[in-house]
Amino acid sequence: MLRILTALALLLAMVPLASHVNAQKPSYGIPDRERERKSLAVNIVKAINAAEVNYKKNHGVFASWSTLLSTGDFSEKGTKWAPEAFPTVAHAMYGPGPEIVPSIFPKTAPRTTCCSRT
């Protein structure tokens, strides 16, 4: 019985220590550059969403990308819909093509195969 009580007391004494144990190796997450690109992409989507909501409030329908460009909400000079905490979105050069911010997210070359099967 004494062994059981001693073991239980020792176990209870170790529980608070377990919460202070840290990993010995740092976690290897997303590199800083990739994290910045993802953050920029998220904030661009937030800016587009804010512009679309404003357009819907005024016109009753959501705007297409070409409409947002033609109304001046987005242009080669930037946008007024950028979050204040992320000025890069405000000064990005937006374009009409499928890559709406071609200077930041360049189009990748199409994949080619080296050998064709016959």
PDB file of N, CA and C in Angstrom:
ATOM      1  N   MET A   1       0.820  -1.185   0.000  1.00  0.00           N
ATOM      2  CA  MET A   1       0.000   0.000   0.000  1.00  0.00           C
ATOM      3  C   MET A   1       0.870   1.256   0.000  1.00  0.00           C
ATOM      4  N   LEU A   2       1.974   1.214   0.734  1.00  0.00           N
ATOM      5  CA  LEU A   2       2.884   2.340   0.803  1.00  0.00           C
ATOM      6  C   LEU A   2       3.507   2.617  -0.563  1.00  0.00           C
ATOM      7  N   ARG A   3       3.805   1.541  -1.301  1.00  0.00           N
ATOM      8  CA  ARG A   3       4.363   1.704  -2.653  1.00  0.00           C
ATOM      9  C   ARG A   3       3.380   2.418  -3.572  1.00  0.00           C
ATOM     10  N   ILE A   4       2.143   2.063  -3.489  1.00  0.00           N
ATOM     11  CA  ILE A   4       1.114   2.661  -4.349  1.00  0.00           C
ATOM     12  C   ILE A   4       0.967   4.145  -4.021  1.00  0.00           C
ATOM     13  N   LEU A   5       0.927   4.480  -2.730  1.00  0.00           N
ATOM     14  CA  LEU A   5       0.805   5.874  -2.331  1.00  0.00           C
ATOM     15  C   LEU A   5       2.031   6.680  -2.747  1.00  0.00           C
ATOM     16  N   THR A   6       3.222   6.097  -2.620  1.00  0.00           N
ATOM     17  CA  THR A   6       4.445   6.772  -3.016  1.00  0.00           C
ATOM     18  C   THR A   6       4.456   7.009  -4.530  1.00  0.00           C
ATOM     19  N   ALA A   7       4.068   5.998  -5.275  1.00  0.00           N
ATOM     20  CA  ALA A   7       4.020   6.127  -6.733  1.00  0.00           C
ATOM     21  C   ALA A   7       2.995   7.177  -7.147  1.00  0.00           C
ATOM     22  N   LEU A   8       1.847   7.189  -6.497  1.00  0.00           N
ATOM     23  CA  LEU A   8       0.805   8.164  -6.797  1.00  0.00           C
ATOM     24  C   LEU A   8       1.268   9.583  -6.452  1.00  0.00           C
ATOM     25  N   ALA A   9       1.929   9.747  -5.312  1.00  0.00           N
ATOM     26  CA  ALA A   9       2.439  11.062  -4.928  1.00  0.00           C
ATOM     27  C   ALA A   9       3.503  11.545  -5.904  1.00  0.00           C
ATOM     28  N   LEU A  10       4.370  10.647  -6.326  1.00  0.00           N
ATOM     29  CA  LEU A  10       5.409  11.003  -7.292  1.00  0.00           C
ATOM     30  C   LEU A  10       4.794  11.390  -8.632  1.00  0.00           C
ATOM     31  N   LEU A  11       3.791  10.654  -9.039  1.00  0.00           N
ATOM     32  CA  LEU A  11       3.102  10.958 -10.297  1.00  0.00           C
ATOM     33  C   LEU A  11       2.422  12.322 -10.228  1.00  0.00           C
ATOM     34  N   LEU A  12       1.759  12.607  -9.108  1.00  0.00           N
ATOM     35  CA  LEU A  12       1.093  13.898  -8.954  1.00  0.00           C
ATOM     36  C   LEU A  12       2.095  15.044  -8.892  1.00  0.00           C
ATOM     37  N   ALA A  13       3.277  14.802  -8.375  1.00  0.00           N
ATOM     38  CA  ALA A  13       4.301  15.834  -8.322  1.00  0.00           C
ATOM     39  C   ALA A  13       4.873  16.132  -9.698  1.00  0.00           C
ATOM     40  N   MET A  14       4.827  15.168 -10.609  1.00  0.00           N
ATOM     41  CA  MET A  14       5.396  15.336 -11.939  1.00  0.00           C
ATOM     42  C   MET A  14       4.426  15.998 -12.915  1.00  0.00           C
ATOM     43  N   VAL A  15       3.135  15.998 -12.621  1.00  0.00           N
ATOM     44  CA  VAL A  15       2.145  16.573 -13.538  1.00  0.00           C
ATOM     45  C   VAL A  15       2.404  18.052 -13.807  1.00  0.00           C
ATOM     46  N   PRO A  16       2.648  18.902 -12.811  1.00  0.00           N
ATOM     47  CA  PRO A  16       2.920  20.317 -13.124  1.00  0.00           C
ATOM     48  C   PRO A  16       4.185  20.520 -13.951  1.00  0.00           C
ATOM     49  N   LEU A  17       5.150  19.633 -13.794  1.00  0.00           N
ATOM     50  CA  LEU A  17       6.387  19.754 -14.567  1.00  0.00           C
ATOM     51  C   LEU A  17       6.166  19.439 -16.042  1.00  0.00           C
ATOM     52  N   ALA A  18       5.222  18.574 -16.328  1.00  0.00           N
ATOM     53  CA  ALA A  18       4.975  18.173 -17.715  1.00  0.00           C
ATOM     54  C   ALA A  18       4.479  19.334 -18.565  1.00  0.00           C
ATOM     55  N   SER A  19       3.814  20.292 -17.943  1.00  0.00           N
ATOM     56  CA  SER A  19       3.297  21.421 -18.725  1.00  0.00           C
ATOM     57  C   SER A  19       4.400  22.396 -19.126  1.00  0.00           C
ATOM     58  N   HIS A  20       5.576  22.307 -18.502  1.00  0.00           N
ATOM     59  CA  HIS A  20       6.672  23.215 -18.805  1.00  0.00           C
ATOM     60  C   HIS A  20       7.705  22.623 -19.750  1.00  0.00           C
ATOM     61  N   VAL A  21       7.471  21.426 -20.221  1.00  0.00           N
ATOM     62  CA  VAL A  21       8.418  20.785 -21.115  1.00  0.00           C
ATOM     63  C   VAL A  21       8.253  21.372 -22.516  1.00  0.00           C
ATOM     64  N   ASN A  22       9.343  21.788 -23.134  1.00  0.00           N
ATOM     65  CA  ASN A  22       9.321  22.334 -24.484  1.00  0.00           C
ATOM     66  C   ASN A  22      10.027  21.372 -25.429  1.00  0.00           C
ATOM     67  N   ALA A  23       9.706  21.502 -26.692  1.00  0.00           N
ATOM     68  CA  ALA A  23      10.387  20.682 -27.686  1.00  0.00           C
ATOM     69  C   ALA A  23      11.856  21.081 -27.743  1.00  0.00           C
ATOM     70  N   GLN A  24      12.717  20.121 -27.958  1.00  0.00           N
ATOM     71  CA  GLN A  24      14.142  20.413 -27.996  1.00  0.00           C
ATOM     72  C   GLN A  24      14.566  21.028 -29.321  1.00  0.00           C
ATOM     73  N   LYS A  25      13.897  20.661 -30.379  1.00  0.00           N
ATOM     74  CA  LYS A  25      14.231  21.201 -31.690  1.00  0.00           C
ATOM     75  C   LYS A  25      13.157  22.206 -32.102  1.00  0.00           C
ATOM     76  N   PRO A  26      13.545  23.280 -32.754  1.00  0.00           N
ATOM     77  CA  PRO A  26      12.531  24.217 -33.232  1.00  0.00           C
ATOM     78  C   PRO A  26      11.723  23.586 -34.358  1.00  0.00           C
ATOM     79  N   SER A  27      10.470  23.975 -34.446  1.00  0.00           N
ATOM     80  CA  SER A  27       9.652  23.440 -35.531  1.00  0.00           C
ATOM     81  C   SER A  27      10.030  24.152 -36.826  1.00  0.00           C
ATOM     82  N   TYR A  28      10.065  23.417 -37.867  1.00  0.00           N
ATOM     83  CA  TYR A  28      10.405  23.978 -39.175  1.00  0.00           C
ATOM     84  C   TYR A  28       9.109  24.212 -39.928  1.00  0.00           C
ATOM     85  N   GLY A  29       8.663  25.441 -39.904  1.00  0.00           N
ATOM     86  CA  GLY A  29       7.418  25.806 -40.564  1.00  0.00           C
ATOM     87  C   GLY A  29       7.684  26.360 -41.947  1.00  0.00           C
ATOM     88  N   ILE A  30       6.795  27.191 -42.361  1.00  0.00           N
ATOM     89  CA  ILE A  30       6.888  27.815 -43.672  1.00  0.00           C
ATOM     90  C   ILE A  30       7.996  28.866 -43.634  1.00  0.00           C
ATOM     91  N   PRO A  31       8.864  28.902 -44.632  1.00  0.00           N
ATOM     92  CA  PRO A  31       9.894  29.954 -44.669  1.00  0.00           C
ATOM     93  C   PRO A  31       9.261  31.345 -44.703  1.00  0.00           C
ATOM     94  N   ASP A  32      10.005  32.338 -44.236  1.00  0.00           N
ATOM     95  CA  ASP A  32       9.480  33.698 -44.126  1.00  0.00           C
ATOM     96  C   ASP A  32       8.947  34.237 -45.448  1.00  0.00           C
ATOM     97  N   ARG A  33       9.661  34.009 -46.535  1.00  0.00           N
ATOM     98  CA  ARG A  33       9.238  34.538 -47.840  1.00  0.00           C
ATOM     99  C   ARG A  33       7.899  33.932 -48.253  1.00  0.00           C
ATOM    100  N   GLU A  34       7.743  32.643 -48.038  1.00  0.00           N
ATOM    101  CA  GLU A  34       6.491  31.982 -48.403  1.00  0.00           C
ATOM    102  C   GLU A  34       5.349  32.472 -47.509  1.00  0.00           C
ATOM    103  N   ARG A  35       5.634  32.690 -46.242  1.00  0.00           N
ATOM    104  CA  ARG A  35       4.622  33.201 -45.314  1.00  0.00           C
ATOM    105  C   ARG A  35       4.186  34.612 -45.746  1.00  0.00           C
ATOM    106  N   GLU A  36       5.132  35.433 -46.193  1.00  0.00           N
ATOM    107  CA  GLU A  36       4.803  36.772 -46.676  1.00  0.00           C
ATOM    108  C   GLU A  36       3.922  36.711 -47.910  1.00  0.00           C
ATOM    109  N   ARG A  37       4.233  35.798 -48.823  1.00  0.00           N
ATOM    110  CA  ARG A  37       3.423  35.659 -50.037  1.00  0.00           C
ATOM    111  C   ARG A  37       1.997  35.233 -49.701  1.00  0.00           C
ATOM    112  N   LYS A  38       1.858  34.301 -48.767  1.00  0.00           N
ATOM    113  CA  LYS A  38       0.519  33.848 -48.373  1.00  0.00           C
ATOM    114  C   LYS A  38      -0.250  34.966 -47.686  1.00  0.00           C
ATOM    115  N   SER A  39       0.430  35.722 -46.839  1.00  0.00           N
ATOM    116  CA  SER A  39      -0.213  36.841 -46.162  1.00  0.00           C
ATOM    117  C   SER A  39      -0.666  37.893 -47.176  1.00  0.00           C
ATOM    118  N   LEU A  40       0.176  38.159 -48.159  1.00  0.00           N
ATOM    119  CA  LEU A  40      -0.191  39.113 -49.207  1.00  0.00           C
ATOM    120  C   LEU A  40      -1.410  38.620 -49.973  1.00  0.00           C
ATOM    121  N   ALA A  41      -1.417  37.351 -50.322  1.00  0.00           N
ATOM    122  CA  ALA A  41      -2.548  36.795 -51.067  1.00  0.00           C
ATOM    123  C   ALA A  41      -3.844  36.900 -50.265  1.00  0.00           C
ATOM    124  N   VAL A  42      -3.794  36.587 -48.986  1.00  0.00           N
ATOM    125  CA  VAL A  42      -4.976  36.685 -48.134  1.00  0.00           C
ATOM    126  C   VAL A  42      -5.475  38.124 -48.065  1.00  0.00           C
ATOM    127  N   ASN A  43      -4.557  39.067 -47.921  1.00  0.00           N
ATOM    128  CA  ASN A  43      -4.955  40.472 -47.825  1.00  0.00           C
ATOM    129  C   ASN A  43      -5.461  41.034 -49.149  1.00  0.00           C
ATOM    130  N   ILE A  44      -4.962  40.520 -50.263  1.00  0.00           N
ATOM    131  CA  ILE A  44      -5.512  40.922 -51.571  1.00  0.00           C
ATOM    132  C   ILE A  44      -6.942  40.427 -51.695  1.00  0.00           C
ATOM    133  N   VAL A  45      -7.193  39.204 -51.271  1.00  0.00           N
ATOM    134  CA  VAL A  45      -8.556  38.664 -51.319  1.00  0.00           C
ATOM    135  C   VAL A  45      -9.483  39.482 -50.408  1.00  0.00           C
ATOM    136  N   LYS A  46      -8.988  39.898 -49.244  1.00  0.00           N
ATOM    137  CA  LYS A  46      -9.801  40.740 -48.361  1.00  0.00           C
ATOM    138  C   LYS A  46     -10.127  42.078 -49.016  1.00  0.00           C
ATOM    139  N   ALA A  47      -9.159  42.656 -49.721  1.00  0.00           N
ATOM    140  CA  ALA A  47      -9.400  43.927 -50.406  1.00  0.00           C
ATOM    141  C   ALA A  47     -10.430  43.753 -51.524  1.00  0.00           C
ATOM    142  N   ILE A  48     -10.315  42.678 -52.283  1.00  0.00           N
ATOM    143  CA  ILE A  48     -11.286  42.412 -53.350  1.00  0.00           C
ATOM    144  C   ILE A  48     -12.672  42.210 -52.747  1.00  0.00           C
ATOM    145  N   ASN A  49     -12.732  41.466 -51.657  1.00  0.00           N
ATOM    146  CA  ASN A  49     -14.014  41.223 -50.998  1.00  0.00           C
ATOM    147  C   ASN A  49     -14.643  42.532 -50.517  1.00  0.00           C
ATOM    148  N   ALA A  50     -13.843  43.408 -49.924  1.00  0.00           N
ATOM    149  CA  ALA A  50     -14.377  44.695 -49.457  1.00  0.00           C
ATOM    150  C   ALA A  50     -14.915  45.521 -50.620  1.00  0.00           C
ATOM    151  N   ALA A  51     -14.197  45.519 -51.741  1.00  0.00           N
ATOM    152  CA  ALA A  51     -14.659  46.262 -52.918  1.00  0.00           C
ATOM    153  C   ALA A  51     -15.947  45.666 -53.476  1.00  0.00           C
ATOM    154  N   GLU A  52     -16.039  44.333 -53.495  1.00  0.00           N
ATOM    155  CA  GLU A  52     -17.248  43.687 -54.007  1.00  0.00           C
ATOM    156  C   GLU A  52     -18.450  43.960 -53.114  1.00  0.00           C
ATOM    157  N   VAL A  53     -18.246  43.920 -51.814  1.00  0.00           N
ATOM    158  CA  VAL A  53     -19.350  44.201 -50.885  1.00  0.00           C
ATOM    159  C   VAL A  53     -19.827  45.634 -51.062  1.00  0.00           C
ATOM    160  N   ASN A  54     -18.920  46.568 -51.212  1.00  0.00           N
ATOM    161  CA  ASN A  54     -19.295  47.956 -51.440  1.00  0.00           C
ATOM    162  C   ASN A  54     -20.058  48.101 -52.757  1.00  0.00           C
ATOM    163  N   TYR A  55     -19.596  47.433 -53.799  1.00  0.00           N
ATOM    164  CA  TYR A  55     -20.274  47.504 -55.094  1.00  0.00           C
ATOM    165  C   TYR A  55     -21.682  46.920 -54.982  1.00  0.00           C
ATOM    166  N   LYS A  56     -21.801  45.788 -54.273  1.00  0.00           N
ATOM    167  CA  LYS A  56     -23.122  45.164 -54.116  1.00  0.00           C
ATOM    168  C   LYS A  56     -24.061  46.078 -53.335  1.00  0.00           C
ATOM    169  N   LYS A  57     -23.530  46.749 -52.320  1.00  0.00           N
ATOM    170  CA  LYS A  57     -24.353  47.663 -51.530  1.00  0.00           C
ATOM    171  C   LYS A  57     -24.904  48.784 -52.416  1.00  0.00           C
ATOM    172  N   ASN A  58     -24.096  49.248 -53.360  1.00  0.00           N
ATOM    173  CA  ASN A  58     -24.513  50.359 -54.217  1.00  0.00           C
ATOM    174  C   ASN A  58     -25.292  49.934 -55.453  1.00  0.00           C
ATOM    175  N   HIS A  59     -25.065  48.710 -55.955  1.00  0.00           N
ATOM    176  CA  HIS A  59     -25.670  48.299 -57.225  1.00  0.00           C
ATOM    177  C   HIS A  59     -26.567  47.069 -57.124  1.00  0.00           C
ATOM    178  N   GLY A  60     -26.567  46.398 -55.990  1.00  0.00           N
ATOM    179  CA  GLY A  60     -27.443  45.241 -55.819  1.00  0.00           C
ATOM    180  C   GLY A  60     -26.870  43.926 -56.323  1.00  0.00           C
ATOM    181  N   VAL A  61     -25.726  43.944 -56.976  1.00  0.00           N
ATOM    182  CA  VAL A  61     -25.078  42.715 -57.461  1.00  0.00           C
ATOM    183  C   VAL A  61     -23.582  42.815 -57.180  1.00  0.00           C
ATOM    184  N   PHE A  62     -22.930  41.646 -57.145  1.00  0.00           N
ATOM    185  CA  PHE A  62     -21.481  41.656 -56.979  1.00  0.00           C
ATOM    186  C   PHE A  62     -20.812  42.042 -58.293  1.00  0.00           C
ATOM    187  N   ALA A  63     -19.647  42.640 -58.198  1.00  0.00           N
ATOM    188  CA  ALA A  63     -18.908  43.096 -59.377  1.00  0.00           C
ATOM    189  C   ALA A  63     -17.949  42.015 -59.854  1.00  0.00           C
ATOM    190  N   SER A  64     -17.725  41.995 -61.156  1.00  0.00           N
ATOM    191  CA  SER A  64     -16.684  41.128 -61.711  1.00  0.00           C
ATOM    192  C   SER A  64     -15.341  41.840 -61.574  1.00  0.00           C
ATOM    193  N   TRP A  65     -14.272  41.111 -61.840  1.00  0.00           N
ATOM    194  CA  TRP A  65     -12.949  41.728 -61.747  1.00  0.00           C
ATOM    195  C   TRP A  65     -12.817  42.869 -62.749  1.00  0.00           C
ATOM    196  N   SER A  66     -13.311  42.675 -63.960  1.00  0.00           N
ATOM    197  CA  SER A  66     -13.207  43.738 -64.966  1.00  0.00           C
ATOM    198  C   SER A  66     -14.000  44.975 -64.545  1.00  0.00           C
ATOM    199  N   THR A  67     -15.103  44.787 -63.855  1.00  0.00           N
ATOM    200  CA  THR A  67     -15.886  45.923 -63.358  1.00  0.00           C
ATOM    201  C   THR A  67     -15.114  46.674 -62.281  1.00  0.00           C
ATOM    202  N   LEU A  68     -14.470  45.927 -61.370  1.00  0.00           N
ATOM    203  CA  LEU A  68     -13.687  46.576 -60.319  1.00  0.00           C
ATOM    204  C   LEU A  68     -12.526  47.370 -60.912  1.00  0.00           C
ATOM    205  N   LEU A  69     -11.951  46.870 -61.986  1.00  0.00           N
ATOM    206  CA  LEU A  69     -10.877  47.613 -62.662  1.00  0.00           C
ATOM    207  C   LEU A  69     -11.418  48.869 -63.339  1.00  0.00           C
ATOM    208  N   SER A  70     -12.557  48.723 -64.027  1.00  0.00           N
ATOM    209  CA  SER A  70     -13.090  49.864 -64.782  1.00  0.00           C
ATOM    210  C   SER A  70     -13.630  50.963 -63.872  1.00  0.00           C
ATOM    211  N   THR A  71     -14.069  50.621 -62.665  1.00  0.00           N
ATOM    212  CA  THR A  71     -14.567  51.642 -61.741  1.00  0.00           C
ATOM    213  C   THR A  71     -13.437  52.318 -60.980  1.00  0.00           C
ATOM    214  N   GLY A  72     -12.214  51.813 -61.139  1.00  0.00           N
ATOM    215  CA  GLY A  72     -11.068  52.426 -60.477  1.00  0.00           C
ATOM    216  C   GLY A  72     -10.788  51.901 -59.081  1.00  0.00           C
ATOM    217  N   ASP A  73     -11.539  50.889 -58.656  1.00  0.00           N
ATOM    218  CA  ASP A  73     -11.279  50.313 -57.339  1.00  0.00           C
ATOM    219  C   ASP A  73      -9.904  49.658 -57.284  1.00  0.00           C
ATOM    220  N   PHE A  74      -9.472  49.112 -58.396  1.00  0.00           N
ATOM    221  CA  PHE A  74      -8.142  48.507 -58.531  1.00  0.00           C
ATOM    222  C   PHE A  74      -7.537  49.009 -59.832  1.00  0.00           C
ATOM    223  N   SER A  75      -6.251  49.330 -59.813  1.00  0.00           N
ATOM    224  CA  SER A  75      -5.584  49.821 -61.014  1.00  0.00           C
ATOM    225  C   SER A  75      -4.093  49.537 -60.912  1.00  0.00           C
ATOM    226  N   GLU A  76      -3.361  50.020 -61.897  1.00  0.00           N
ATOM    227  CA  GLU A  76      -1.906  49.865 -61.868  1.00  0.00           C
ATOM    228  C   GLU A  76      -1.269  50.719 -60.774  1.00  0.00           C
ATOM    229  N   LYS A  77      -2.042  51.622 -60.202  1.00  0.00           N
ATOM    230  CA  LYS A  77      -1.538  52.480 -59.126  1.00  0.00           C
ATOM    231  C   LYS A  77      -1.871  51.935 -57.741  1.00  0.00           C
ATOM    232  N   GLY A  78      -2.692  50.890 -57.669  1.00  0.00           N
ATOM    233  CA  GLY A  78      -3.041  50.294 -56.379  1.00  0.00           C
ATOM    234  C   GLY A  78      -4.535  50.262 -56.141  1.00  0.00           C
ATOM    235  N   THR A  79      -4.913  50.226 -54.871  1.00  0.00           N
ATOM    236  CA  THR A  79      -6.319  50.178 -54.491  1.00  0.00           C
ATOM    237  C   THR A  79      -6.551  50.919 -53.190  1.00  0.00           C
ATOM    238  N   LYS A  80      -7.760  51.396 -53.027  1.00  0.00           N
ATOM    239  CA  LYS A  80      -8.123  52.059 -51.772  1.00  0.00           C
ATOM    240  C   LYS A  80      -8.694  51.073 -50.761  1.00  0.00           C
ATOM    241  N   TRP A  81      -8.859  49.813 -51.158  1.00  0.00           N
ATOM    242  CA  TRP A  81      -9.492  48.810 -50.309  1.00  0.00           C
ATOM    243  C   TRP A  81      -8.496  47.988 -49.500  1.00  0.00           C
ATOM    244  N   ALA A  82      -7.258  48.362 -49.506  1.00  0.00           N
ATOM    245  CA  ALA A  82      -6.240  47.594 -48.784  1.00  0.00           C
ATOM    246  C   ALA A  82      -6.376  47.781 -47.275  1.00  0.00           C
ATOM    247  N   PRO A  83      -6.106  46.727 -46.514  1.00  0.00           N
ATOM    248  CA  PRO A  83      -6.087  46.882 -45.053  1.00  0.00           C
ATOM    249  C   PRO A  83      -4.967  47.846 -44.654  1.00  0.00           C
ATOM    250  N   GLU A  84      -5.216  48.674 -43.659  1.00  0.00           N
ATOM    251  CA  GLU A  84      -4.218  49.666 -43.232  1.00  0.00           C
ATOM    252  C   GLU A  84      -2.929  49.006 -42.765  1.00  0.00           C
ATOM    253  N   ALA A  85      -3.043  47.827 -42.195  1.00  0.00           N
ATOM    254  CA  ALA A  85      -1.868  47.137 -41.662  1.00  0.00           C
ATOM    255  C   ALA A  85      -1.026  46.486 -42.762  1.00  0.00           C
ATOM    256  N   PHE A  86      -1.491  46.544 -43.995  1.00  0.00           N
ATOM    257  CA  PHE A  86      -0.780  45.871 -45.079  1.00  0.00           C
ATOM    258  C   PHE A  86      -0.675  46.792 -46.289  1.00  0.00           C
ATOM    259  N   PRO A  87       0.219  47.783 -46.264  1.00  0.00           N
ATOM    260  CA  PRO A  87       0.311  48.767 -47.348  1.00  0.00           C
ATOM    261  C   PRO A  87       0.777  48.181 -48.682  1.00  0.00           C
ATOM    262  N   THR A  88       1.401  47.016 -48.670  1.00  0.00           N
ATOM    263  CA  THR A  88       1.837  46.411 -49.929  1.00  0.00           C
ATOM    264  C   THR A  88       0.648  46.158 -50.845  1.00  0.00           C
ATOM    265  N   VAL A  89      -0.489  45.810 -50.278  1.00  0.00           N
ATOM    266  CA  VAL A  89      -1.701  45.571 -51.062  1.00  0.00           C
ATOM    267  C   VAL A  89      -2.169  46.878 -51.697  1.00  0.00           C
ATOM    268  N   ALA A  90      -2.045  47.972 -50.967  1.00  0.00           N
ATOM    269  CA  ALA A  90      -2.505  49.269 -51.482  1.00  0.00           C
ATOM    270  C   ALA A  90      -1.692  49.720 -52.689  1.00  0.00           C
ATOM    271  N   HIS A  91      -0.420  49.379 -52.730  1.00  0.00           N
ATOM    272  CA  HIS A  91       0.453  49.877 -53.789  1.00  0.00           C
ATOM    273  C   HIS A  91       0.794  48.841 -54.856  1.00  0.00           C
ATOM    274  N   ALA A  92       0.166  47.681 -54.791  1.00  0.00           N
ATOM    275  CA  ALA A  92       0.411  46.662 -55.810  1.00  0.00           C
ATOM    276  C   ALA A  92      -0.146  47.133 -57.155  1.00  0.00           C
ATOM    277  N   MET A  93       0.441  46.639 -58.227  1.00  0.00           N
ATOM    278  CA  MET A  93      -0.028  47.009 -59.568  1.00  0.00           C
ATOM    279  C   MET A  93      -0.968  45.920 -60.073  1.00  0.00           C
ATOM    280  N   TYR A  94      -2.261  46.216 -60.051  1.00  0.00           N
ATOM    281  CA  TYR A  94      -3.284  45.255 -60.437  1.00  0.00           C
ATOM    282  C   TYR A  94      -3.500  45.314 -61.944  1.00  0.00           C
ATOM    283  N   GLY A  95      -3.735  44.153 -62.541  1.00  0.00           N
ATOM    284  CA  GLY A  95      -3.913  44.095 -63.978  1.00  0.00           C
ATOM    285  C   GLY A  95      -5.167  43.349 -64.382  1.00  0.00           C
ATOM    286  N   PRO A  96      -5.538  43.439 -65.649  1.00  0.00           N
ATOM    287  CA  PRO A  96      -6.769  42.820 -66.132  1.00  0.00           C
ATOM    288  C   PRO A  96      -6.645  41.335 -66.442  1.00  0.00           C
ATOM    289  N   GLY A  97      -5.450  40.803 -66.484  1.00  0.00           N
ATOM    290  CA  GLY A  97      -5.260  39.404 -66.867  1.00  0.00           C
ATOM    291  C   GLY A  97      -5.607  38.424 -65.769  1.00  0.00           C
ATOM    292  N   PRO A  98      -5.394  37.152 -66.044  1.00  0.00           N
ATOM    293  CA  PRO A  98      -5.690  36.125 -65.041  1.00  0.00           C
ATOM    294  C   PRO A  98      -4.807  36.243 -63.802  1.00  0.00           C
ATOM    295  N   GLU A  99      -3.618  36.808 -63.947  1.00  0.00           N
ATOM    296  CA  GLU A  99      -2.770  37.083 -62.793  1.00  0.00           C
ATOM    297  C   GLU A  99      -3.039  38.531 -62.404  1.00  0.00           C
ATOM    298  N   ILE A 100      -3.901  38.727 -61.433  1.00  0.00           N
ATOM    299  CA  ILE A 100      -4.332  40.091 -61.122  1.00  0.00           C
ATOM    300  C   ILE A 100      -3.218  40.955 -60.553  1.00  0.00           C
ATOM    301  N   VAL A 101      -2.191  40.330 -59.988  1.00  0.00           N
ATOM    302  CA  VAL A 101      -1.015  41.065 -59.510  1.00  0.00           C
ATOM    303  C   VAL A 101       0.210  40.391 -60.124  1.00  0.00           C
ATOM    304  N   PRO A 102       0.443  40.618 -61.419  1.00  0.00           N
ATOM    305  CA  PRO A 102       1.511  39.885 -62.110  1.00  0.00           C
ATOM    306  C   PRO A 102       2.908  40.193 -61.585  1.00  0.00           C
ATOM    307  N   SER A 103       3.121  41.353 -61.013  1.00  0.00           N
ATOM    308  CA  SER A 103       4.457  41.684 -60.534  1.00  0.00           C
ATOM    309  C   SER A 103       4.813  40.924 -59.259  1.00  0.00           C
ATOM    310  N   ILE A 104       3.820  40.450 -58.540  1.00  0.00           N
ATOM    311  CA  ILE A 104       4.073  39.756 -57.278  1.00  0.00           C
ATOM    312  C   ILE A 104       3.925  38.253 -57.438  1.00  0.00           C
ATOM    313  N   PHE A 105       2.942  37.816 -58.174  1.00  0.00           N
ATOM    314  CA  PHE A 105       2.715  36.404 -58.407  1.00  0.00           C
ATOM    315  C   PHE A 105       2.863  36.125 -59.899  1.00  0.00           C
ATOM    316  N   PRO A 106       4.101  35.984 -60.394  1.00  0.00           N
ATOM    317  CA  PRO A 106       4.292  35.810 -61.834  1.00  0.00           C
ATOM    318  C   PRO A 106       3.735  34.479 -62.318  1.00  0.00           C
ATOM    319  N   LYS A 107       3.332  34.504 -63.562  1.00  0.00           N
ATOM    320  CA  LYS A 107       2.811  33.295 -64.195  1.00  0.00           C
ATOM    321  C   LYS A 107       3.960  32.307 -64.365  1.00  0.00           C
ATOM    322  N   THR A 108       3.689  31.071 -64.030  1.00  0.00           N
ATOM    323  CA  THR A 108       4.719  30.055 -64.186  1.00  0.00           C
ATOM    324  C   THR A 108       4.632  29.466 -65.583  1.00  0.00           C
ATOM    325  N   ALA A 109       5.751  28.974 -66.041  1.00  0.00           N
ATOM    326  CA  ALA A 109       5.793  28.375 -67.372  1.00  0.00           C
ATOM    327  C   ALA A 109       5.002  27.067 -67.371  1.00  0.00           C
ATOM    328  N   PRO A 110       4.366  26.750 -68.484  1.00  0.00           N
ATOM    329  CA  PRO A 110       3.606  25.493 -68.544  1.00  0.00           C
ATOM    330  C   PRO A 110       4.553  24.300 -68.465  1.00  0.00           C
ATOM    331  N   ARG A 111       4.051  23.241 -67.901  1.00  0.00           N
ATOM    332  CA  ARG A 111       4.859  22.035 -67.782  1.00  0.00           C
ATOM    333  C   ARG A 111       4.993  21.365 -69.135  1.00  0.00           C
ATOM    334  N   THR A 112       6.154  20.857 -69.380  1.00  0.00           N
ATOM    335  CA  THR A 112       6.396  20.105 -70.608  1.00  0.00           C
ATOM    336  C   THR A 112       6.949  18.748 -70.224  1.00  0.00           C
ATOM    337  N   THR A 113       6.724  17.814 -71.094  1.00  0.00           N
ATOM    338  CA  THR A 113       7.263  16.477 -70.845  1.00  0.00           C
ATOM    339  C   THR A 113       8.447  16.251 -71.773  1.00  0.00           C
ATOM    340  N   CYS A 114       9.395  15.505 -71.277  1.00  0.00           N
ATOM    341  CA  CYS A 114      10.594  15.292 -72.085  1.00  0.00           C
ATOM    342  C   CYS A 114      10.388  14.211 -73.142  1.00  0.00           C
ATOM    343  N   CYS A 115       9.552  13.288 -72.838  1.00  0.00           N
ATOM    344  CA  CYS A 115       9.388  12.166 -73.762  1.00  0.00           C
ATOM    345  C   CYS A 115       7.921  11.852 -73.936  1.00  0.00           C
ATOM    346  N   SER A 116       7.523  11.598 -75.128  1.00  0.00           N
ATOM    347  CA  SER A 116       6.132  11.205 -75.343  1.00  0.00           C
ATOM    348  C   SER A 116       6.072   9.700 -75.567  1.00  0.00           C
ATOM    349  N   ARG A 117       5.028   9.125 -75.054  1.00  0.00           N
ATOM    350  CA  ARG A 117       4.846   7.679 -75.215  1.00  0.00           C
ATOM    351  C   ARG A 117       4.090   7.417 -76.484  1.00  0.00           C
ATOM    352  N   THR A 118       4.530   6.423 -77.207  1.00  0.00           N
ATOM    353  CA  THR A 118       3.821   6.091 -78.447  1.00  0.00           C
ATOM    354  C   THR A 118       3.186   4.751 -78.349  1.00  0.00           C
TER     355      THR A 118
END
